[in-house]
Amino acid sequence: MEQIVVALSPFTRRSRSLGVSHRDHYLSRGLEPGEHVLVHDPLADEHFRAVVADVEFELDDTTYRLEIGGRITADEADEWLAPPAADGHLTTVEIVALLEELRRSERDVHAALADLRAR
């Protein structure tokens, strides 16, 4: 899992959305929509879960929009960054990711139904 280190402004904290440049943050690889990442604010020494919501490709860089989730402890962040266990058991990280995916899917279904009703 990727960790992105960035100081979060008060506006970013309120909007729960953050734009991140691939080049400026020296990411080891490209991020995919729906992928879970960690955001670490070194000034406040806080860790947050985040999901890649949008990807925008430019000639010289790629920009990601992250939706910032809940705050987690430093110990939880370490657990998220640890390699997955090979024993086949789901980790806390994987369970949280599945629940967040389910929540996003539910919102998409509700929006689609509302659209159908409006027609």
N, C-alpha and C. Protein backbone atom coordinates (compact mmCIF):
# COMPACT_ATOMS: atom_id res chain seq x y z
N MET A 1 0.84 -1.17 0.00
CA MET A 1 0.00 0.00 0.00
C MET A 1 0.89 1.23 0.00
N GLU A 2 0.47 2.22 -0.75
CA GLU A 2 1.22 3.47 -0.83
C GLU A 2 0.86 4.38 0.34
N GLN A 3 1.85 5.11 0.81
CA GLN A 3 1.64 6.15 1.81
C GLN A 3 2.03 7.48 1.18
N ILE A 4 1.16 8.45 1.31
CA ILE A 4 1.40 9.78 0.77
C ILE A 4 1.57 10.72 1.95
N VAL A 5 2.71 11.39 2.00
CA VAL A 5 3.02 12.31 3.10
C VAL A 5 2.77 13.72 2.61
N VAL A 6 1.82 14.39 3.24
CA VAL A 6 1.45 15.74 2.83
C VAL A 6 0.79 16.46 4.01
N ALA A 7 1.11 17.73 4.17
CA ALA A 7 0.46 18.54 5.20
C ALA A 7 -0.95 18.89 4.71
N LEU A 8 -1.94 18.59 5.52
CA LEU A 8 -3.34 18.84 5.14
C LEU A 8 -3.78 20.21 5.62
N SER A 9 -4.30 20.99 4.70
CA SER A 9 -4.81 22.31 5.05
C SER A 9 -6.17 22.17 5.73
N PRO A 10 -6.62 23.21 6.43
CA PRO A 10 -7.96 23.16 7.03
C PRO A 10 -9.05 22.92 5.97
N PHE A 11 -8.88 23.51 4.78
CA PHE A 11 -9.86 23.31 3.71
C PHE A 11 -9.91 21.84 3.28
N THR A 12 -8.73 21.23 3.13
CA THR A 12 -8.66 19.82 2.74
C THR A 12 -9.32 18.94 3.80
N ARG A 13 -9.09 19.27 5.04
CA ARG A 13 -9.71 18.48 6.12
C ARG A 13 -11.23 18.59 6.09
N ARG A 14 -11.74 19.78 5.77
CA ARG A 14 -13.20 19.96 5.70
C ARG A 14 -13.79 19.28 4.47
N SER A 15 -13.14 19.44 3.33
CA SER A 15 -13.69 18.92 2.08
C SER A 15 -13.48 17.42 1.93
N ARG A 16 -12.51 16.87 2.70
CA ARG A 16 -12.19 15.44 2.66
C ARG A 16 -11.73 15.01 1.27
N SER A 17 -11.13 15.94 0.53
CA SER A 17 -10.65 15.66 -0.82
C SER A 17 -9.29 16.31 -1.00
N LEU A 18 -8.41 15.60 -1.72
CA LEU A 18 -7.04 16.08 -1.86
C LEU A 18 -6.51 15.74 -3.24
N GLY A 19 -5.90 16.72 -3.91
CA GLY A 19 -5.23 16.48 -5.18
C GLY A 19 -3.76 16.18 -4.93
N VAL A 20 -3.25 15.13 -5.58
CA VAL A 20 -1.87 14.69 -5.36
C VAL A 20 -1.19 14.49 -6.71
N SER A 21 -0.02 15.08 -6.86
CA SER A 21 0.80 14.90 -8.06
C SER A 21 1.69 13.68 -7.90
N HIS A 22 1.69 12.82 -8.91
CA HIS A 22 2.53 11.62 -8.87
C HIS A 22 4.00 12.02 -8.76
N ARG A 23 4.40 12.95 -9.58
CA ARG A 23 5.80 13.37 -9.62
C ARG A 23 6.24 14.06 -8.33
N ASP A 24 5.42 14.95 -7.81
CA ASP A 24 5.80 15.71 -6.60
C ASP A 24 5.90 14.83 -5.36
N HIS A 25 5.18 13.70 -5.35
CA HIS A 25 5.18 12.83 -4.17
C HIS A 25 6.02 11.58 -4.37
N TYR A 26 6.74 11.52 -5.49
CA TYR A 26 7.68 10.41 -5.75
C TYR A 26 7.05 9.04 -5.50
N LEU A 27 5.85 8.85 -6.02
CA LEU A 27 5.18 7.57 -5.84
C LEU A 27 5.93 6.47 -6.59
N SER A 28 5.97 5.29 -5.99
CA SER A 28 6.74 4.19 -6.57
C SER A 28 6.06 3.58 -7.79
N ARG A 29 4.75 3.81 -7.94
CA ARG A 29 4.00 3.25 -9.07
C ARG A 29 2.73 4.06 -9.26
N GLY A 30 2.05 3.83 -10.36
CA GLY A 30 0.79 4.51 -10.63
C GLY A 30 -0.31 3.98 -9.72
N LEU A 31 -1.23 4.84 -9.36
CA LEU A 31 -2.36 4.45 -8.52
C LEU A 31 -3.58 4.21 -9.40
N GLU A 32 -4.45 3.34 -8.96
CA GLU A 32 -5.65 2.97 -9.71
C GLU A 32 -6.89 3.52 -9.03
N PRO A 33 -7.92 3.89 -9.80
CA PRO A 33 -9.18 4.32 -9.17
C PRO A 33 -9.72 3.23 -8.25
N GLY A 34 -10.16 3.64 -7.07
CA GLY A 34 -10.67 2.71 -6.08
C GLY A 34 -9.61 2.13 -5.17
N GLU A 35 -8.36 2.40 -5.47
CA GLU A 35 -7.27 1.86 -4.64
C GLU A 35 -7.21 2.59 -3.30
N HIS A 36 -6.89 1.86 -2.26
CA HIS A 36 -6.76 2.43 -0.93
C HIS A 36 -5.31 2.83 -0.70
N VAL A 37 -5.13 4.00 -0.09
CA VAL A 37 -3.81 4.52 0.25
C VAL A 37 -3.86 5.11 1.65
N LEU A 38 -2.70 5.38 2.20
CA LEU A 38 -2.61 6.08 3.48
C LEU A 38 -2.14 7.50 3.23
N VAL A 39 -2.68 8.42 3.99
CA VAL A 39 -2.21 9.81 3.95
C VAL A 39 -1.66 10.11 5.34
N HIS A 40 -0.43 10.60 5.37
CA HIS A 40 0.19 10.98 6.65
C HIS A 40 0.45 12.47 6.63
N ASP A 41 -0.11 13.17 7.61
CA ASP A 41 0.13 14.60 7.79
C ASP A 41 1.25 14.72 8.82
N PRO A 42 2.49 15.04 8.37
CA PRO A 42 3.61 15.07 9.31
C PRO A 42 3.53 16.24 10.30
N LEU A 43 2.86 17.31 9.93
CA LEU A 43 2.76 18.46 10.85
C LEU A 43 1.90 18.13 12.06
N ALA A 44 0.77 17.47 11.81
CA ALA A 44 -0.13 17.09 12.90
C ALA A 44 0.18 15.68 13.40
N ASP A 45 1.06 14.98 12.72
CA ASP A 45 1.39 13.58 13.00
C ASP A 45 0.12 12.74 13.08
N GLU A 46 -0.70 12.85 12.03
CA GLU A 46 -1.94 12.10 11.94
C GLU A 46 -1.93 11.26 10.66
N HIS A 47 -2.63 10.13 10.72
CA HIS A 47 -2.75 9.21 9.59
C HIS A 47 -4.22 9.09 9.22
N PHE A 48 -4.49 9.02 7.90
CA PHE A 48 -5.86 8.89 7.42
C PHE A 48 -5.91 7.81 6.34
N ARG A 49 -7.03 7.11 6.29
CA ARG A 49 -7.31 6.24 5.16
C ARG A 49 -7.76 7.13 4.01
N ALA A 50 -7.50 6.70 2.80
CA ALA A 50 -7.97 7.45 1.63
C ALA A 50 -8.19 6.48 0.47
N VAL A 51 -9.00 6.92 -0.48
CA VAL A 51 -9.30 6.13 -1.67
C VAL A 51 -9.04 7.01 -2.89
N VAL A 52 -8.42 6.44 -3.91
CA VAL A 52 -8.19 7.15 -5.16
C VAL A 52 -9.54 7.28 -5.86
N ALA A 53 -10.05 8.49 -5.99
CA ALA A 53 -11.36 8.73 -6.59
C ALA A 53 -11.26 9.02 -8.09
N ASP A 54 -10.25 9.78 -8.50
CA ASP A 54 -10.08 10.16 -9.91
C ASP A 54 -8.61 10.15 -10.26
N VAL A 55 -8.34 9.89 -11.54
CA VAL A 55 -6.98 9.94 -12.06
C VAL A 55 -7.01 10.82 -13.31
N GLU A 56 -6.10 11.78 -13.39
CA GLU A 56 -6.00 12.65 -14.56
C GLU A 56 -4.58 12.57 -15.11
N PHE A 57 -4.49 12.20 -16.38
CA PHE A 57 -3.20 12.05 -17.03
C PHE A 57 -2.85 13.32 -17.79
N GLU A 58 -1.62 13.78 -17.61
CA GLU A 58 -1.10 14.93 -18.34
C GLU A 58 0.19 14.49 -19.03
N LEU A 59 0.74 15.33 -19.87
CA LEU A 59 1.96 14.95 -20.59
C LEU A 59 3.13 14.66 -19.67
N ASP A 60 3.29 15.48 -18.63
CA ASP A 60 4.46 15.34 -17.78
C ASP A 60 4.18 14.86 -16.36
N ASP A 61 2.91 14.55 -16.05
CA ASP A 61 2.58 14.13 -14.69
C ASP A 61 1.20 13.46 -14.68
N THR A 62 0.92 12.79 -13.61
CA THR A 62 -0.41 12.23 -13.35
C THR A 62 -0.88 12.80 -12.02
N THR A 63 -2.14 13.22 -11.99
CA THR A 63 -2.71 13.78 -10.78
C THR A 63 -3.83 12.87 -10.29
N TYR A 64 -3.85 12.63 -9.00
CA TYR A 64 -4.86 11.79 -8.37
C TYR A 64 -5.70 12.64 -7.44
N ARG A 65 -7.01 12.40 -7.43
CA ARG A 65 -7.86 13.02 -6.42
C ARG A 65 -8.18 11.94 -5.41
N LEU A 66 -7.84 12.20 -4.16
CA LEU A 66 -8.08 11.25 -3.08
C LEU A 66 -9.27 11.71 -2.25
N GLU A 67 -10.12 10.77 -1.90
CA GLU A 67 -11.18 11.03 -0.93
C GLU A 67 -10.65 10.55 0.41
N ILE A 68 -10.53 11.49 1.34
CA ILE A 68 -9.94 11.18 2.64
C ILE A 68 -10.99 10.58 3.55
N GLY A 69 -10.65 9.45 4.14
CA GLY A 69 -11.56 8.76 5.05
C GLY A 69 -11.23 9.10 6.49
N GLY A 70 -11.47 8.16 7.36
CA GLY A 70 -11.28 8.37 8.78
C GLY A 70 -9.83 8.36 9.21
N ARG A 71 -9.61 8.95 10.35
CA ARG A 71 -8.27 8.98 10.94
C ARG A 71 -7.99 7.62 11.57
N ILE A 72 -6.74 7.20 11.50
CA ILE A 72 -6.33 5.95 12.13
C ILE A 72 -5.10 6.21 12.99
N THR A 73 -4.82 5.31 13.89
CA THR A 73 -3.66 5.46 14.78
C THR A 73 -2.37 5.11 14.03
N ALA A 74 -1.25 5.46 14.61
CA ALA A 74 0.05 5.13 14.01
C ALA A 74 0.23 3.61 13.94
N ASP A 75 -0.24 2.89 14.95
CA ASP A 75 -0.16 1.43 14.93
C ASP A 75 -0.99 0.84 13.80
N GLU A 76 -2.19 1.39 13.60
CA GLU A 76 -3.03 0.92 12.49
C GLU A 76 -2.38 1.24 11.15
N ALA A 77 -1.74 2.40 11.05
CA ALA A 77 -1.04 2.76 9.81
C ALA A 77 0.07 1.77 9.53
N ASP A 78 0.82 1.38 10.55
CA ASP A 78 1.87 0.38 10.38
C ASP A 78 1.29 -0.94 9.89
N GLU A 79 0.13 -1.32 10.43
CA GLU A 79 -0.52 -2.55 10.00
C GLU A 79 -0.94 -2.46 8.53
N TRP A 80 -1.46 -1.30 8.14
CA TRP A 80 -1.87 -1.10 6.75
C TRP A 80 -0.67 -1.19 5.81
N LEU A 81 0.47 -0.71 6.25
CA LEU A 81 1.66 -0.70 5.39
C LEU A 81 2.39 -2.04 5.35
N ALA A 82 2.08 -2.92 6.30
CA ALA A 82 2.74 -4.23 6.34
C ALA A 82 2.31 -5.08 5.15
N PRO A 83 3.19 -5.94 4.66
CA PRO A 83 2.80 -6.82 3.55
C PRO A 83 1.65 -7.73 3.96
N PRO A 84 0.78 -8.10 3.01
CA PRO A 84 -0.35 -8.97 3.35
C PRO A 84 0.12 -10.35 3.82
N ALA A 85 -0.65 -10.92 4.72
CA ALA A 85 -0.32 -12.26 5.24
C ALA A 85 -0.59 -13.30 4.16
N ALA A 86 0.23 -14.32 4.13
CA ALA A 86 0.09 -15.37 3.12
C ALA A 86 -0.78 -16.52 3.60
N ASP A 87 -1.40 -16.38 4.78
CA ASP A 87 -2.18 -17.50 5.32
C ASP A 87 -3.61 -17.54 4.83
N GLY A 88 -4.01 -16.61 3.99
CA GLY A 88 -5.35 -16.62 3.43
C GLY A 88 -6.40 -15.93 4.28
N HIS A 89 -6.05 -15.47 5.47
CA HIS A 89 -7.00 -14.78 6.33
C HIS A 89 -7.08 -13.31 5.93
N LEU A 90 -8.26 -12.75 6.06
CA LEU A 90 -8.44 -11.33 5.78
C LEU A 90 -7.84 -10.51 6.92
N THR A 91 -7.15 -9.44 6.54
CA THR A 91 -6.61 -8.52 7.53
C THR A 91 -7.65 -7.44 7.82
N THR A 92 -7.42 -6.69 8.85
CA THR A 92 -8.30 -5.56 9.17
C THR A 92 -8.35 -4.59 7.99
N VAL A 93 -7.22 -4.37 7.37
CA VAL A 93 -7.14 -3.47 6.21
C VAL A 93 -8.05 -3.96 5.10
N GLU A 94 -8.00 -5.24 4.80
CA GLU A 94 -8.82 -5.79 3.72
C GLU A 94 -10.31 -5.72 4.06
N ILE A 95 -10.67 -5.95 5.31
CA ILE A 95 -12.06 -5.87 5.73
C ILE A 95 -12.57 -4.43 5.60
N VAL A 96 -11.77 -3.47 6.04
CA VAL A 96 -12.15 -2.05 5.93
C VAL A 96 -12.31 -1.68 4.45
N ALA A 97 -11.39 -2.14 3.61
CA ALA A 97 -11.48 -1.84 2.18
C ALA A 97 -12.75 -2.43 1.58
N LEU A 98 -13.11 -3.64 1.95
CA LEU A 98 -14.33 -4.26 1.45
C LEU A 98 -15.57 -3.49 1.91
N LEU A 99 -15.59 -3.06 3.16
CA LEU A 99 -16.73 -2.30 3.66
C LEU A 99 -16.85 -0.95 2.96
N GLU A 100 -15.74 -0.29 2.71
CA GLU A 100 -15.78 0.99 2.00
C GLU A 100 -16.25 0.80 0.56
N GLU A 101 -15.81 -0.28 -0.08
CA GLU A 101 -16.26 -0.57 -1.45
C GLU A 101 -17.76 -0.84 -1.48
N LEU A 102 -18.25 -1.58 -0.50
CA LEU A 102 -19.68 -1.85 -0.39
C LEU A 102 -20.46 -0.56 -0.20
N ARG A 103 -19.96 0.34 0.63
CA ARG A 103 -20.63 1.62 0.88
C ARG A 103 -20.69 2.46 -0.40
N ARG A 104 -19.56 2.49 -1.17
CA ARG A 104 -19.56 3.24 -2.43
C ARG A 104 -20.53 2.62 -3.43
N SER A 105 -20.58 1.30 -3.49
CA SER A 105 -21.49 0.61 -4.41
C SER A 105 -22.94 0.91 -4.06
N GLU A 106 -23.23 0.94 -2.76
CA GLU A 106 -24.59 1.24 -2.32
C GLU A 106 -25.00 2.65 -2.74
N ARG A 107 -24.07 3.62 -2.61
CA ARG A 107 -24.37 4.99 -3.04
C ARG A 107 -24.61 5.04 -4.55
N ASP A 108 -23.82 4.29 -5.32
CA ASP A 108 -24.00 4.25 -6.78
C ASP A 108 -25.36 3.67 -7.15
N VAL A 109 -25.78 2.62 -6.46
CA VAL A 109 -27.08 1.99 -6.74
C VAL A 109 -28.20 2.96 -6.40
N HIS A 110 -28.11 3.63 -5.26
CA HIS A 110 -29.14 4.60 -4.88
C HIS A 110 -29.23 5.74 -5.90
N ALA A 111 -28.07 6.22 -6.36
CA ALA A 111 -28.08 7.29 -7.37
C ALA A 111 -28.70 6.82 -8.68
N ALA A 112 -28.39 5.59 -9.10
CA ALA A 112 -28.96 5.05 -10.33
C ALA A 112 -30.47 4.89 -10.21
N LEU A 113 -30.93 4.41 -9.05
CA LEU A 113 -32.38 4.25 -8.85
C LEU A 113 -33.09 5.62 -8.85
N ALA A 114 -32.48 6.60 -8.22
CA ALA A 114 -33.07 7.94 -8.21
C ALA A 114 -33.15 8.49 -9.62
N ASP A 115 -32.14 8.23 -10.43
CA ASP A 115 -32.14 8.67 -11.82
C ASP A 115 -33.25 8.00 -12.60
N LEU A 116 -33.44 6.69 -12.39
CA LEU A 116 -34.50 5.97 -13.07
C LEU A 116 -35.88 6.47 -12.67
N ARG A 117 -36.05 6.77 -11.39
CA ARG A 117 -37.33 7.29 -10.91
C ARG A 117 -37.65 8.66 -11.50
N ALA A 118 -36.61 9.45 -11.72
CA ALA A 118 -36.79 10.81 -12.24
C ALA A 118 -37.23 10.78 -13.70
N ARG A 119 -36.96 9.72 -14.39
CA ARG A 119 -37.33 9.62 -15.82
C ARG A 119 -38.74 9.33 -15.95
